[in-house]
Amino acid sequence: IVMIEIAGKPLWWFVLLLIPGVNVVFGIILVVALARNFGKGGGYAAGLILLPFVFFPMLAFGSAQYVGGTQPNPAGDPLPDVPG
């Protein structure tokens, strides 16, 4: 649930992650959103999927900073940029 919040997705995605087959697709989307919110690209997201025991500690203990999501908030206004 914390990873869903960090990725900027709605909490009802947890239900989708419990459905066999659907969870693979939404899990990949979740990891890509997580990498994007830390300023990383698609290659890093692929690393998070294929070698999570290497890339998640790199994300956690490396120099990556949370830069926020690009998802609109419930009011429809874009989220403010976080200065980095």
C-alpha atoms as a PDB file:
ATOM      1  CA  ILE A   1       0.000   0.000   0.000  1.00  0.00           C
ATOM      2  CA  VAL A   2       2.876   2.361   0.741  1.00  0.00           C
ATOM      3  CA  MET A   3       4.393   1.678  -2.683  1.00  0.00           C
ATOM      4  CA  ILE A   4       1.037   2.510  -4.298  1.00  0.00           C
ATOM      5  CA  GLU A   5       0.988   5.830  -2.430  1.00  0.00           C
ATOM      6  CA  ILE A   6       4.587   6.635  -3.387  1.00  0.00           C
ATOM      7  CA  ALA A   7       3.850   5.829  -7.027  1.00  0.00           C
ATOM      8  CA  GLY A   8       0.933   8.276  -6.904  1.00  0.00           C
ATOM      9  CA  LYS A   9      -1.756   5.753  -7.779  1.00  0.00           C
ATOM     10  CA  PRO A  10      -5.168   5.469  -6.085  1.00  0.00           C
ATOM     11  CA  LEU A  11      -5.449   3.035  -3.176  1.00  0.00           C
ATOM     12  CA  TRP A  12      -8.090   0.916  -4.937  1.00  0.00           C
ATOM     13  CA  TRP A  13      -5.241  -0.397  -7.134  1.00  0.00           C
ATOM     14  CA  PHE A  14      -4.512  -2.733  -4.211  1.00  0.00           C
ATOM     15  CA  VAL A  15      -7.618  -4.701  -5.204  1.00  0.00           C
ATOM     16  CA  LEU A  16      -6.332  -4.985  -8.784  1.00  0.00           C
ATOM     17  CA  LEU A  17      -3.030  -6.326  -7.485  1.00  0.00           C
ATOM     18  CA  LEU A  18      -4.915  -9.195  -5.816  1.00  0.00           C
ATOM     19  CA  ILE A  19      -6.438 -10.456  -9.097  1.00  0.00           C
ATOM     20  CA  PRO A  20      -4.291 -13.136 -10.784  1.00  0.00           C
ATOM     21  CA  GLY A  21      -3.098 -12.095 -14.251  1.00  0.00           C
ATOM     22  CA  VAL A  22      -4.231  -8.507 -13.839  1.00  0.00           C
ATOM     23  CA  ASN A  23      -1.681  -8.031 -11.053  1.00  0.00           C
ATOM     24  CA  VAL A  24       1.224  -8.555 -13.461  1.00  0.00           C
ATOM     25  CA  VAL A  25       0.121  -5.719 -15.751  1.00  0.00           C
ATOM     26  CA  PHE A  26      -0.733  -3.303 -12.959  1.00  0.00           C
ATOM     27  CA  GLY A  27       2.417  -4.274 -11.056  1.00  0.00           C
ATOM     28  CA  ILE A  28       4.535  -3.282 -14.042  1.00  0.00           C
ATOM     29  CA  ILE A  29       2.650   0.007 -14.383  1.00  0.00           C
ATOM     30  CA  LEU A  30       3.156   0.597 -10.654  1.00  0.00           C
ATOM     31  CA  VAL A  31       6.918   0.008 -10.850  1.00  0.00           C
ATOM     32  CA  VAL A  32       7.251   2.321 -13.873  1.00  0.00           C
ATOM     33  CA  ALA A  33       5.347   5.050 -11.996  1.00  0.00           C
ATOM     34  CA  LEU A  34       7.555   4.496  -8.946  1.00  0.00           C
ATOM     35  CA  ALA A  35      10.719   4.907 -11.035  1.00  0.00           C
ATOM     36  CA  ARG A  36       9.291   8.020 -12.720  1.00  0.00           C
ATOM     37  CA  ASN A  37       8.499   9.608  -9.338  1.00  0.00           C
ATOM     38  CA  PHE A  38      12.137   9.177  -8.361  1.00  0.00           C
ATOM     39  CA  GLY A  39      13.353  10.786 -11.585  1.00  0.00           C
ATOM     40  CA  LYS A  40      14.420   7.514 -13.205  1.00  0.00           C
ATOM     41  CA  GLY A  41      13.606   6.310 -16.695  1.00  0.00           C
ATOM     42  CA  GLY A  42      12.301   3.172 -18.322  1.00  0.00           C
ATOM     43  CA  GLY A  43      15.642   1.367 -18.116  1.00  0.00           C
ATOM     44  CA  TYR A  44      15.680   1.734 -14.366  1.00  0.00           C
ATOM     45  CA  ALA A  45      12.071   0.513 -14.231  1.00  0.00           C
ATOM     46  CA  ALA A  46      13.118  -2.570 -16.213  1.00  0.00           C
ATOM     47  CA  GLY A  47      15.874  -3.124 -13.671  1.00  0.00           C
ATOM     48  CA  LEU A  48      13.355  -2.850 -10.840  1.00  0.00           C
ATOM     49  CA  ILE A  49      11.258  -5.538 -12.533  1.00  0.00           C
ATOM     50  CA  LEU A  50      14.048  -7.922 -13.575  1.00  0.00           C
ATOM     51  CA  LEU A  51      16.544  -7.482 -10.710  1.00  0.00           C
ATOM     52  CA  PRO A  52      14.528  -6.075  -7.795  1.00  0.00           C
ATOM     53  CA  PHE A  53      17.019  -7.306  -5.175  1.00  0.00           C
ATOM     54  CA  VAL A  54      19.640  -5.008  -6.739  1.00  0.00           C
ATOM     55  CA  PHE A  55      17.636  -2.006  -7.958  1.00  0.00           C
ATOM     56  CA  PHE A  56      15.300  -1.462  -4.982  1.00  0.00           C
ATOM     57  CA  PRO A  57      18.250  -1.085  -2.554  1.00  0.00           C
ATOM     58  CA  MET A  58      19.925   1.229  -5.084  1.00  0.00           C
ATOM     59  CA  LEU A  59      16.747   3.309  -5.145  1.00  0.00           C
ATOM     60  CA  ALA A  60      16.413   3.261  -1.362  1.00  0.00           C
ATOM     61  CA  PHE A  61      20.002   3.915  -0.334  1.00  0.00           C
ATOM     62  CA  GLY A  62      21.392   5.695  -3.400  1.00  0.00           C
ATOM     63  CA  SER A  63      21.254   9.337  -4.322  1.00  0.00           C
ATOM     64  CA  ALA A  64      17.744   9.190  -5.840  1.00  0.00           C
ATOM     65  CA  GLN A  65      15.351  11.827  -4.531  1.00  0.00           C
ATOM     66  CA  TYR A  66      11.571  11.694  -4.630  1.00  0.00           C
ATOM     67  CA  VAL A  67      10.518  14.337  -7.125  1.00  0.00           C
ATOM     68  CA  GLY A  68       6.773  13.783  -6.885  1.00  0.00           C
ATOM     69  CA  GLY A  69       4.188  12.542  -9.267  1.00  0.00           C
ATOM     70  CA  THR A  70       2.766  14.051 -12.376  1.00  0.00           C
ATOM     71  CA  GLN A  71      -0.707  12.670 -11.647  1.00  0.00           C
ATOM     72  CA  PRO A  72      -3.419  15.295 -11.108  1.00  0.00           C
ATOM     73  CA  ASN A  73      -4.891  15.509  -7.639  1.00  0.00           C
ATOM     74  CA  PRO A  74      -8.614  14.740  -7.069  1.00  0.00           C
ATOM     75  CA  ALA A  75      -9.541  18.394  -7.694  1.00  0.00           C
ATOM     76  CA  GLY A  76      -8.027  18.135 -11.177  1.00  0.00           C
ATOM     77  CA  ASP A  77      -5.276  20.651 -10.522  1.00  0.00           C
ATOM     78  CA  PRO A  78      -1.726  19.557 -11.374  1.00  0.00           C
ATOM     79  CA  LEU A  79       0.509  18.879  -8.403  1.00  0.00           C
ATOM     80  CA  PRO A  80       3.110  21.566  -7.706  1.00  0.00           C
ATOM     81  CA  ASP A  81       6.681  20.865  -8.739  1.00  0.00           C
ATOM     82  CA  VAL A  82       9.051  19.967  -5.928  1.00  0.00           C
ATOM     83  CA  PRO A  83      12.300  21.919  -6.171  1.00  0.00           C
ATOM     84  CA  GLY A  84      15.246  19.561  -6.330  1.00  0.00           C
END
